[in-house]
């Protein structure tokens, strides 16, 4: 078989181009820091990276859910504690009014203050989180309690947040759960105290018992929020650990081994330069070489 100068030239150039393509690919990996720039580079690695990114998106959403849940629980806890401080003040005023030595003027002053505290309690019960009533359940309205102290929220369902693949955490606390219902809820009891201070002082004993029962219910609600907060802290830590693990998995699938890639680039460059020098000698560069 006759080997022509054209065949030698084409073969040499093809070898050079292959070396140059391989060198360019390594340089691209070194620049981007990624071993995969297109699916054809590694179908298996591409599939692993896509699955990992899907899990990362899910974990990132769960992290946002955790942040939202913390805002609900923290606001619920702080609001309940503030309201419990007000209830303690109402109780002290009721004890003062239950003193037989109190004058009508004193009783009237106490009744006015208790009525004012009731209005404050009502305002705190309508606290909002991101525009939604904190104690309103799943209501579409903008308040949990009406001006008269009646519950206008919707406690037929729970406000839930997914904080992990397997856990939905409840973040709300409805008004009836925190403050009672009907004639024995917080606002009815405090309103009754305000009235009895001037019209039915003997009835204050029963009012104190009802107020203590409501306070105990609020204490239980606060403990419930605390328990959910502890579970949320655990979920937050697990979420953070998963994010770190997934980042490592994605790096293992996509990222280059930097020292090895630098060495490969240097070796490939040396090989290319050697091939270039050999090709320059093997290919006749002038017409005189052809005449020989």
C-alpha atoms as a PDB file:
ATOM      1  CA  UNK A   1       0.000   0.000   0.000  1.00  0.00           C
ATOM      2  CA  UNK A   2       1.424   3.357  -1.042  1.00  0.00           C
ATOM      3  CA  UNK A   3       1.535   5.959   1.682  1.00  0.00           C
ATOM      4  CA  UNK A   4       1.311   9.399   0.169  1.00  0.00           C
ATOM      5  CA  UNK A   5       2.394  12.658   1.677  1.00  0.00           C
ATOM      6  CA  UNK A   6      -1.276  13.665   1.856  1.00  0.00           C
ATOM      7  CA  UNK A   7      -2.126  10.608   3.979  1.00  0.00           C
ATOM      8  CA  UNK A   8       0.760  11.339   6.330  1.00  0.00           C
ATOM      9  CA  UNK A   9      -0.351  14.972   6.626  1.00  0.00           C
ATOM     10  CA  UNK A  10      -4.007  14.098   7.306  1.00  0.00           C
ATOM     11  CA  UNK A  11      -3.103  11.450   9.867  1.00  0.00           C
ATOM     12  CA  UNK A  12      -0.756  13.814  11.664  1.00  0.00           C
ATOM     13  CA  UNK A  13      -3.285  16.648  11.715  1.00  0.00           C
ATOM     14  CA  UNK A  14      -6.041  14.350  13.014  1.00  0.00           C
ATOM     15  CA  UNK A  15      -3.783  13.243  15.844  1.00  0.00           C
ATOM     16  CA  UNK A  16      -2.939  16.845  16.668  1.00  0.00           C
ATOM     17  CA  UNK A  17      -6.610  17.833  16.656  1.00  0.00           C
ATOM     18  CA  UNK A  18      -7.505  14.956  18.990  1.00  0.00           C
ATOM     19  CA  UNK A  19      -4.762  16.008  21.386  1.00  0.00           C
ATOM     20  CA  UNK A  20      -5.883  19.634  21.157  1.00  0.00           C
ATOM     21  CA  UNK A  21      -9.521  18.713  21.822  1.00  0.00           C
ATOM     22  CA  UNK A  22      -8.527  16.668  24.869  1.00  0.00           C
ATOM     23  CA  UNK A  23      -6.360  19.523  26.129  1.00  0.00           C
ATOM     24  CA  UNK A  24      -9.168  22.018  25.576  1.00  0.00           C
ATOM     25  CA  UNK A  25     -11.605  19.816  27.507  1.00  0.00           C
ATOM     26  CA  UNK A  26      -9.227  19.572  30.451  1.00  0.00           C
ATOM     27  CA  UNK A  27      -8.625  23.323  30.398  1.00  0.00           C
ATOM     28  CA  UNK A  28     -12.388  23.919  30.387  1.00  0.00           C
ATOM     29  CA  UNK A  29     -12.798  21.621  33.391  1.00  0.00           C
ATOM     30  CA  UNK A  30      -9.978  23.419  35.155  1.00  0.00           C
ATOM     31  CA  UNK A  31     -11.589  26.811  34.458  1.00  0.00           C
ATOM     32  CA  UNK A  32     -15.137  25.843  35.478  1.00  0.00           C
ATOM     33  CA  UNK A  33     -14.184  23.458  38.274  1.00  0.00           C
ATOM     34  CA  UNK A  34     -16.767  20.998  36.914  1.00  0.00           C
ATOM     35  CA  UNK A  35     -16.089  17.586  35.434  1.00  0.00           C
ATOM     36  CA  UNK A  36     -19.449  17.604  33.613  1.00  0.00           C
ATOM     37  CA  UNK A  37     -20.260  20.413  31.194  1.00  0.00           C
ATOM     38  CA  UNK A  38     -22.738  18.432  29.081  1.00  0.00           C
ATOM     39  CA  UNK A  39     -24.699  15.199  29.687  1.00  0.00           C
ATOM     40  CA  UNK A  40     -22.545  13.272  27.212  1.00  0.00           C
ATOM     41  CA  UNK A  41     -19.492  13.837  29.410  1.00  0.00           C
ATOM     42  CA  UNK A  42     -20.900  11.391  31.966  1.00  0.00           C
ATOM     43  CA  UNK A  43     -24.483  10.101  31.645  1.00  0.00           C
ATOM     44  CA  UNK A  44     -24.276   8.378  35.042  1.00  0.00           C
ATOM     45  CA  UNK A  45     -22.827  11.445  36.732  1.00  0.00           C
ATOM     46  CA  UNK A  46     -25.434  13.654  35.063  1.00  0.00           C
ATOM     47  CA  UNK A  47     -28.252  11.445  36.379  1.00  0.00           C
ATOM     48  CA  UNK A  48     -26.773  11.502  39.889  1.00  0.00           C
ATOM     49  CA  UNK A  49     -26.383  15.288  39.764  1.00  0.00           C
ATOM     50  CA  UNK A  50     -29.979  15.791  38.603  1.00  0.00           C
ATOM     51  CA  UNK A  51     -31.345  13.592  41.389  1.00  0.00           C
ATOM     52  CA  UNK A  52     -29.188  15.383  43.952  1.00  0.00           C
ATOM     53  CA  UNK A  53     -30.356  18.789  42.739  1.00  0.00           C
ATOM     54  CA  UNK A  54     -33.983  17.645  43.026  1.00  0.00           C
ATOM     55  CA  UNK A  55     -33.343  16.640  46.633  1.00  0.00           C
ATOM     56  CA  UNK A  56     -31.589  19.963  47.261  1.00  0.00           C
ATOM     57  CA  UNK A  57     -34.627  21.865  45.994  1.00  0.00           C
ATOM     58  CA  UNK A  58     -36.862  19.847  48.333  1.00  0.00           C
ATOM     59  CA  UNK A  59     -34.565  20.420  51.307  1.00  0.00           C
ATOM     60  CA  UNK A  60     -34.324  24.151  50.510  1.00  0.00           C
ATOM     61  CA  UNK A  61     -38.130  24.397  50.520  1.00  0.00           C
ATOM     62  CA  UNK A  62     -38.256  22.570  53.823  1.00  0.00           C
ATOM     63  CA  UNK A  63     -35.713  25.038  55.222  1.00  0.00           C
ATOM     64  CA  UNK A  64     -38.010  27.909  54.185  1.00  0.00           C
ATOM     65  CA  UNK A  65     -40.905  26.070  55.832  1.00  0.00           C
ATOM     66  CA  UNK A  66     -38.866  25.760  59.030  1.00  0.00           C
ATOM     67  CA  UNK A  67     -38.178  29.501  59.009  1.00  0.00           C
ATOM     68  CA  UNK A  68     -41.876  30.239  58.493  1.00  0.00           C
ATOM     69  CA  UNK A  69     -42.849  27.782  61.244  1.00  0.00           C
ATOM     70  CA  UNK A  70     -40.398  29.422  63.659  1.00  0.00           C
ATOM     71  CA  UNK A  71     -41.982  32.817  63.040  1.00  0.00           C
ATOM     72  CA  UNK A  72     -45.428  31.371  63.854  1.00  0.00           C
ATOM     73  CA  UNK A  73     -44.310  29.590  67.013  1.00  0.00           C
ATOM     74  CA  UNK A  74     -42.127  32.431  68.293  1.00  0.00           C
ATOM     75  CA  UNK A  75     -44.897  34.970  67.748  1.00  0.00           C
ATOM     76  CA  UNK A  76     -47.409  32.664  69.408  1.00  0.00           C
ATOM     77  CA  UNK A  77     -45.138  32.128  72.408  1.00  0.00           C
ATOM     78  CA  UNK A  78     -44.351  35.814  72.926  1.00  0.00           C
ATOM     79  CA  UNK A  79     -47.983  36.869  72.490  1.00  0.00           C
ATOM     80  CA  UNK A  80     -49.217  34.275  74.968  1.00  0.00           C
ATOM     81  CA  UNK A  81     -46.643  35.323  77.569  1.00  0.00           C
ATOM     82  CA  UNK A  82     -47.639  38.976  77.190  1.00  0.00           C
ATOM     83  CA  UNK A  83     -51.306  38.087  77.538  1.00  0.00           C
ATOM     84  CA  UNK A  84     -50.602  35.963  80.612  1.00  0.00           C
ATOM     85  CA  UNK A  85     -48.902  38.960  82.227  1.00  0.00           C
ATOM     86  CA  UNK A  86     -52.053  40.978  81.570  1.00  0.00           C
ATOM     87  CA  UNK A  87     -54.226  38.195  83.035  1.00  0.00           C
ATOM     88  CA  UNK A  88     -52.100  38.281  86.179  1.00  0.00           C
ATOM     89  CA  UNK A  89     -52.777  42.008  86.417  1.00  0.00           C
ATOM     90  CA  UNK A  90     -56.495  41.375  85.992  1.00  0.00           C
ATOM     91  CA  UNK A  91     -56.369  38.824  88.794  1.00  0.00           C
ATOM     92  CA  UNK A  92     -54.652  41.261  91.131  1.00  0.00           C
ATOM     93  CA  UNK A  93     -57.267  43.903  90.367  1.00  0.00           C
ATOM     94  CA  UNK A  94     -60.019  41.363  90.986  1.00  0.00           C
ATOM     95  CA  UNK A  95     -58.548  40.513  94.379  1.00  0.00           C
ATOM     96  CA  UNK A  96     -58.465  44.203  95.227  1.00  0.00           C
ATOM     97  CA  UNK A  97     -62.079  44.598  94.181  1.00  0.00           C
ATOM     98  CA  UNK A  98     -63.082  41.589  96.236  1.00  0.00           C
ATOM     99  CA  UNK A  99     -62.026  43.464  99.353  1.00  0.00           C
ATOM    100  CA  UNK A 100     -65.138  44.501 101.255  1.00  0.00           C
ATOM    101  CA  UNK A 101     -63.443  47.700 102.394  1.00  0.00           C
ATOM    102  CA  UNK A 102     -63.199  49.097  98.867  1.00  0.00           C
ATOM    103  CA  UNK A 103     -65.264  52.192  98.171  1.00  0.00           C
ATOM    104  CA  UNK A 104     -67.636  52.485  95.200  1.00  0.00           C
ATOM    105  CA  UNK A 105     -65.241  54.945  93.582  1.00  0.00           C
ATOM    106  CA  UNK A 106     -62.387  52.468  93.918  1.00  0.00           C
ATOM    107  CA  UNK A 107     -64.522  49.702  92.513  1.00  0.00           C
ATOM    108  CA  UNK A 108     -65.426  51.903  89.545  1.00  0.00           C
ATOM    109  CA  UNK A 109     -61.755  52.696  88.886  1.00  0.00           C
ATOM    110  CA  UNK A 110     -60.871  49.019  89.056  1.00  0.00           C
ATOM    111  CA  UNK A 111     -63.709  48.162  86.665  1.00  0.00           C
ATOM    112  CA  UNK A 112     -62.506  50.765  84.163  1.00  0.00           C
ATOM    113  CA  UNK A 113     -58.969  49.403  84.254  1.00  0.00           C
ATOM    114  CA  UNK A 114     -60.135  45.799  83.868  1.00  0.00           C
ATOM    115  CA  UNK A 115     -62.299  46.792  80.893  1.00  0.00           C
ATOM    116  CA  UNK A 116     -59.289  48.520  79.348  1.00  0.00           C
ATOM    117  CA  UNK A 117     -57.152  45.434  79.917  1.00  0.00           C
ATOM    118  CA  UNK A 118     -59.833  43.330  78.235  1.00  0.00           C
ATOM    119  CA  UNK A 119     -59.581  45.541  75.141  1.00  0.00           C
ATOM    120  CA  UNK A 120     -55.807  45.088  75.199  1.00  0.00           C
ATOM    121  CA  UNK A 121     -56.186  41.326  75.473  1.00  0.00           C
ATOM    122  CA  UNK A 122     -58.566  41.359  72.530  1.00  0.00           C
ATOM    123  CA  UNK A 123     -56.080  43.314  70.428  1.00  0.00           C
ATOM    124  CA  UNK A 124     -53.286  40.871  71.277  1.00  0.00           C
ATOM    125  CA  UNK A 125     -55.545  37.939  70.413  1.00  0.00           C
ATOM    126  CA  UNK A 126     -55.839  39.441  66.931  1.00  0.00           C
ATOM    127  CA  UNK A 127     -52.060  39.530  66.407  1.00  0.00           C
ATOM    128  CA  UNK A 128     -51.099  38.653  62.826  1.00  0.00           C
ATOM    129  CA  UNK A 129     -48.262  36.666  61.310  1.00  0.00           C
ATOM    130  CA  UNK A 130     -47.535  37.566  57.691  1.00  0.00           C
ATOM    131  CA  UNK A 131     -50.992  39.089  57.403  1.00  0.00           C
ATOM    132  CA  UNK A 132     -52.830  36.109  58.913  1.00  0.00           C
ATOM    133  CA  UNK A 133     -54.462  36.064  62.357  1.00  0.00           C
ATOM    134  CA  UNK A 134     -52.171  34.148  64.729  1.00  0.00           C
ATOM    135  CA  UNK A 135     -55.063  32.543  66.631  1.00  0.00           C
ATOM    136  CA  UNK A 136     -57.523  32.498  63.705  1.00  0.00           C
ATOM    137  CA  UNK A 137     -56.783  29.011  62.405  1.00  0.00           C
ATOM    138  CA  UNK A 138     -57.342  28.730  58.653  1.00  0.00           C
ATOM    139  CA  UNK A 139     -59.714  31.691  58.439  1.00  0.00           C
ATOM    140  CA  UNK A 140     -59.624  33.841  55.331  1.00  0.00           C
ATOM    141  CA  UNK A 141     -60.555  36.874  57.447  1.00  0.00           C
ATOM    142  CA  UNK A 142     -58.218  39.411  58.993  1.00  0.00           C
ATOM    143  CA  UNK A 143     -59.128  38.815  62.656  1.00  0.00           C
ATOM    144  CA  UNK A 144     -59.546  35.942  65.091  1.00  0.00           C
ATOM    145  CA  UNK A 145     -61.980  37.762  67.406  1.00  0.00           C
ATOM    146  CA  UNK A 146     -64.686  40.294  66.749  1.00  0.00           C
ATOM    147  CA  UNK A 147     -65.151  43.548  68.685  1.00  0.00           C
ATOM    148  CA  UNK A 148     -67.516  41.823  71.113  1.00  0.00           C
ATOM    149  CA  UNK A 149     -64.949  39.130  71.924  1.00  0.00           C
ATOM    150  CA  UNK A 150     -66.642  36.458  69.819  1.00  0.00           C
ATOM    151  CA  UNK A 151     -64.437  34.027  67.926  1.00  0.00           C
ATOM    152  CA  UNK A 152     -64.662  34.630  64.164  1.00  0.00           C
ATOM    153  CA  UNK A 153     -61.735  32.420  63.117  1.00  0.00           C
ATOM    154  CA  UNK A 154     -61.901  28.956  61.582  1.00  0.00           C
ATOM    155  CA  UNK A 155     -60.618  26.146  63.801  1.00  0.00           C
ATOM    156  CA  UNK A 156     -61.858  23.295  61.632  1.00  0.00           C
ATOM    157  CA  UNK A 157     -58.392  22.628  60.207  1.00  0.00           C
ATOM    158  CA  UNK A 158     -54.763  23.030  61.234  1.00  0.00           C
ATOM    159  CA  UNK A 159     -52.014  25.211  59.756  1.00  0.00           C
ATOM    160  CA  UNK A 160     -49.237  22.768  58.846  1.00  0.00           C
ATOM    161  CA  UNK A 161     -45.715  23.124  57.487  1.00  0.00           C
ATOM    162  CA  UNK A 162     -43.637  20.308  55.988  1.00  0.00           C
ATOM    163  CA  UNK A 163     -40.304  20.410  57.793  1.00  0.00           C
ATOM    164  CA  UNK A 164     -38.913  17.087  56.505  1.00  0.00           C
ATOM    165  CA  UNK A 165     -39.760  14.378  54.003  1.00  0.00           C
ATOM    166  CA  UNK A 166     -41.757  12.517  56.634  1.00  0.00           C
ATOM    167  CA  UNK A 167     -42.990  15.194  59.062  1.00  0.00           C
ATOM    168  CA  UNK A 168     -45.694  17.842  58.948  1.00  0.00           C
ATOM    169  CA  UNK A 169     -45.543  20.190  61.922  1.00  0.00           C
ATOM    170  CA  UNK A 170     -48.505  22.170  63.168  1.00  0.00           C
ATOM    171  CA  UNK A 171     -47.599  25.831  63.654  1.00  0.00           C
ATOM    172  CA  UNK A 172     -50.856  27.482  64.689  1.00  0.00           C
ATOM    173  CA  UNK A 173     -52.870  27.650  67.909  1.00  0.00           C
ATOM    174  CA  UNK A 174     -56.531  28.563  67.649  1.00  0.00           C
ATOM    175  CA  UNK A 175     -58.265  30.984  69.959  1.00  0.00           C
ATOM    176  CA  UNK A 176     -60.534  28.363  71.586  1.00  0.00           C
ATOM    177  CA  UNK A 177     -57.491  26.169  72.309  1.00  0.00           C
ATOM    178  CA  UNK A 178     -55.626  29.027  73.973  1.00  0.00           C
ATOM    179  CA  UNK A 179     -58.397  31.056  75.631  1.00  0.00           C
ATOM    180  CA  UNK A 180     -61.355  28.727  76.076  1.00  0.00           C
ATOM    181  CA  UNK A 181     -64.836  28.826  74.584  1.00  0.00           C
ATOM    182  CA  UNK A 182     -68.267  30.241  75.248  1.00  0.00           C
ATOM    183  CA  UNK A 183     -69.091  31.922  78.539  1.00  0.00           C
ATOM    184  CA  UNK A 184     -65.858  30.726  80.110  1.00  0.00           C
ATOM    185  CA  UNK A 185     -63.392  32.036  77.537  1.00  0.00           C
ATOM    186  CA  UNK A 186     -60.851  34.667  78.523  1.00  0.00           C
ATOM    187  CA  UNK A 187     -62.694  37.683  77.164  1.00  0.00           C
ATOM    188  CA  UNK A 188     -66.071  36.691  78.582  1.00  0.00           C
ATOM    189  CA  UNK A 189     -64.540  36.093  82.029  1.00  0.00           C
ATOM    190  CA  UNK A 190     -62.608  39.389  82.060  1.00  0.00           C
ATOM    191  CA  UNK A 191     -65.682  41.244  80.814  1.00  0.00           C
ATOM    192  CA  UNK A 192     -67.735  39.661  83.572  1.00  0.00           C
ATOM    193  CA  UNK A 193     -65.156  40.727  86.149  1.00  0.00           C
ATOM    194  CA  UNK A 194     -65.346  44.318  84.897  1.00  0.00           C
ATOM    195  CA  UNK A 195     -69.123  44.242  85.374  1.00  0.00           C
ATOM    196  CA  UNK A 196     -69.135  42.438  88.722  1.00  0.00           C
ATOM    197  CA  UNK A 197     -66.662  44.900  90.226  1.00  0.00           C
ATOM    198  CA  UNK A 198     -69.469  47.482  90.322  1.00  0.00           C
ATOM    199  CA  UNK A 199     -72.660  45.429  90.297  1.00  0.00           C
ATOM    200  CA  UNK A 200     -71.974  42.012  91.852  1.00  0.00           C
ATOM    201  CA  UNK A 201     -68.938  41.980  94.133  1.00  0.00           C
ATOM    202  CA  UNK A 202     -69.854  38.586  95.698  1.00  0.00           C
ATOM    203  CA  UNK A 203     -69.684  37.065  92.241  1.00  0.00           C
ATOM    204  CA  UNK A 204     -65.976  37.891  92.010  1.00  0.00           C
ATOM    205  CA  UNK A 205     -65.087  34.666  93.830  1.00  0.00           C
ATOM    206  CA  UNK A 206     -66.542  32.611  91.005  1.00  0.00           C
ATOM    207  CA  UNK A 207     -64.921  34.926  88.483  1.00  0.00           C
ATOM    208  CA  UNK A 208     -61.521  34.306  90.071  1.00  0.00           C
ATOM    209  CA  UNK A 209     -62.010  30.563  89.713  1.00  0.00           C
ATOM    210  CA  UNK A 210     -62.963  30.950  86.048  1.00  0.00           C
ATOM    211  CA  UNK A 211     -59.981  33.258  85.447  1.00  0.00           C
ATOM    212  CA  UNK A 212     -57.609  30.749  87.035  1.00  0.00           C
ATOM    213  CA  UNK A 213     -59.018  28.021  84.794  1.00  0.00           C
ATOM    214  CA  UNK A 214     -58.416  30.165  81.711  1.00  0.00           C
ATOM    215  CA  UNK A 215     -54.892  30.982  82.906  1.00  0.00           C
ATOM    216  CA  UNK A 216     -54.186  27.276  83.316  1.00  0.00           C
ATOM    217  CA  UNK A 217     -55.414  26.668  79.777  1.00  0.00           C
ATOM    218  CA  UNK A 218     -53.104  29.396  78.480  1.00  0.00           C
ATOM    219  CA  UNK A 219     -50.202  27.820  80.384  1.00  0.00           C
ATOM    220  CA  UNK A 220     -50.910  24.485  78.717  1.00  0.00           C
ATOM    221  CA  UNK A 221     -51.052  26.162  75.308  1.00  0.00           C
ATOM    222  CA  UNK A 222     -47.682  27.800  75.968  1.00  0.00           C
ATOM    223  CA  UNK A 223     -46.179  24.438  76.924  1.00  0.00           C
ATOM    224  CA  UNK A 224     -47.582  22.936  73.719  1.00  0.00           C
ATOM    225  CA  UNK A 225     -45.880  25.647  71.651  1.00  0.00           C
ATOM    226  CA  UNK A 226     -42.636  25.006  73.522  1.00  0.00           C
ATOM    227  CA  UNK A 227     -42.787  21.294  72.698  1.00  0.00           C
ATOM    228  CA  UNK A 228     -43.400  22.027  69.034  1.00  0.00           C
ATOM    229  CA  UNK A 229     -40.510  24.495  69.084  1.00  0.00           C
ATOM    230  CA  UNK A 230     -38.193  21.763  70.368  1.00  0.00           C
ATOM    231  CA  UNK A 231     -39.283  19.461  67.551  1.00  0.00           C
ATOM    232  CA  UNK A 232     -38.750  22.282  65.084  1.00  0.00           C
ATOM    233  CA  UNK A 233     -35.196  22.850  66.340  1.00  0.00           C
ATOM    234  CA  UNK A 234     -34.436  19.170  65.746  1.00  0.00           C
ATOM    235  CA  UNK A 235     -35.921  19.335  62.252  1.00  0.00           C
ATOM    236  CA  UNK A 236     -33.864  22.445  61.511  1.00  0.00           C
ATOM    237  CA  UNK A 237     -30.643  20.685  62.526  1.00  0.00           C
ATOM    238  CA  UNK A 238     -31.492  17.611  60.446  1.00  0.00           C
ATOM    239  CA  UNK A 239     -32.257  19.887  57.492  1.00  0.00           C
ATOM    240  CA  UNK A 240     -28.909  21.677  57.833  1.00  0.00           C
ATOM    241  CA  UNK A 241     -27.070  18.335  57.990  1.00  0.00           C
ATOM    242  CA  UNK A 242     -28.869  17.126  54.871  1.00  0.00           C
ATOM    243  CA  UNK A 243     -27.924  20.274  52.985  1.00  0.00           C
ATOM    244  CA  UNK A 244     -24.250  19.668  53.783  1.00  0.00           C
ATOM    245  CA  UNK A 245     -24.501  15.999  52.760  1.00  0.00           C
ATOM    246  CA  UNK A 246     -26.213  16.842  49.465  1.00  0.00           C
ATOM    247  CA  UNK A 247     -23.606  19.479  48.641  1.00  0.00           C
ATOM    248  CA  UNK A 248     -20.908  16.839  49.131  1.00  0.00           C
ATOM    249  CA  UNK A 249     -22.791  14.374  46.944  1.00  0.00           C
ATOM    250  CA  UNK A 250     -23.200  16.938  44.183  1.00  0.00           C
ATOM    251  CA  UNK A 251     -19.537  17.867  44.408  1.00  0.00           C
ATOM    252  CA  UNK A 252     -18.519  14.225  44.171  1.00  0.00           C
ATOM    253  CA  UNK A 253     -20.615  13.858  41.010  1.00  0.00           C
ATOM    254  CA  UNK A 254     -19.700  17.121  39.283  1.00  0.00           C
ATOM    255  CA  UNK A 255     -16.555  18.684  40.702  1.00  0.00           C
ATOM    256  CA  UNK A 256     -13.076  17.924  39.430  1.00  0.00           C
ATOM    257  CA  UNK A 257     -10.137  16.612  41.407  1.00  0.00           C
ATOM    258  CA  UNK A 258      -8.099  19.801  41.152  1.00  0.00           C
ATOM    259  CA  UNK A 259      -4.546  18.402  41.693  1.00  0.00           C
ATOM    260  CA  UNK A 260      -5.224  15.504  39.308  1.00  0.00           C
ATOM    261  CA  UNK A 261      -6.728  17.798  36.657  1.00  0.00           C
ATOM    262  CA  UNK A 262      -3.757  20.198  36.830  1.00  0.00           C
ATOM    263  CA  UNK A 263      -1.404  17.251  36.375  1.00  0.00           C
ATOM    264  CA  UNK A 264      -3.487  15.929  33.458  1.00  0.00           C
ATOM    265  CA  UNK A 265      -3.422  19.352  31.782  1.00  0.00           C
ATOM    266  CA  UNK A 266       0.359  19.570  32.105  1.00  0.00           C
ATOM    267  CA  UNK A 267       0.867  16.040  30.775  1.00  0.00           C
ATOM    268  CA  UNK A 268      -1.562  16.575  27.920  1.00  0.00           C
ATOM    269  CA  UNK A 269       0.108  19.872  27.035  1.00  0.00           C
ATOM    270  CA  UNK A 270       3.550  18.242  27.016  1.00  0.00           C
ATOM    271  CA  UNK A 271       2.217  15.461  24.804  1.00  0.00           C
ATOM    272  CA  UNK A 272       0.633  17.963  22.436  1.00  0.00           C
ATOM    273  CA  UNK A 273       3.829  19.981  22.147  1.00  0.00           C
ATOM    274  CA  UNK A 274       5.827  16.814  21.504  1.00  0.00           C
ATOM    275  CA  UNK A 275       3.346  15.689  18.847  1.00  0.00           C
ATOM    276  CA  UNK A 276       3.458  19.152  17.289  1.00  0.00           C
ATOM    277  CA  UNK A 277       7.248  19.011  17.056  1.00  0.00           C
ATOM    278  CA  UNK A 278       7.187  15.502  15.575  1.00  0.00           C
ATOM    279  CA  UNK A 279       4.541  16.490  13.058  1.00  0.00           C
ATOM    280  CA  UNK A 280       6.548  19.511  11.977  1.00  0.00           C
ATOM    281  CA  UNK A 281       9.453  17.227  11.119  1.00  0.00           C
ATOM    282  CA  UNK A 282       7.366  14.582   9.369  1.00  0.00           C
ATOM    283  CA  UNK A 283       5.364  16.927   7.145  1.00  0.00           C
ATOM    284  CA  UNK A 284       7.328  18.438   4.238  1.00  0.00           C
ATOM    285  CA  UNK A 285       7.053  22.173   4.654  1.00  0.00           C
ATOM    286  CA  UNK A 286       8.594  23.290   1.271  1.00  0.00           C
ATOM    287  CA  UNK A 287       8.498  22.411  -2.436  1.00  0.00           C
ATOM    288  CA  UNK A 288      12.183  21.458  -2.233  1.00  0.00           C
ATOM    289  CA  UNK A 289      11.314  18.635   0.165  1.00  0.00           C
ATOM    290  CA  UNK A 290       8.838  17.263  -2.347  1.00  0.00           C
ATOM    291  CA  UNK A 291      11.503  17.331  -5.106  1.00  0.00           C
ATOM    292  CA  UNK A 292      13.886  15.271  -3.017  1.00  0.00           C
END
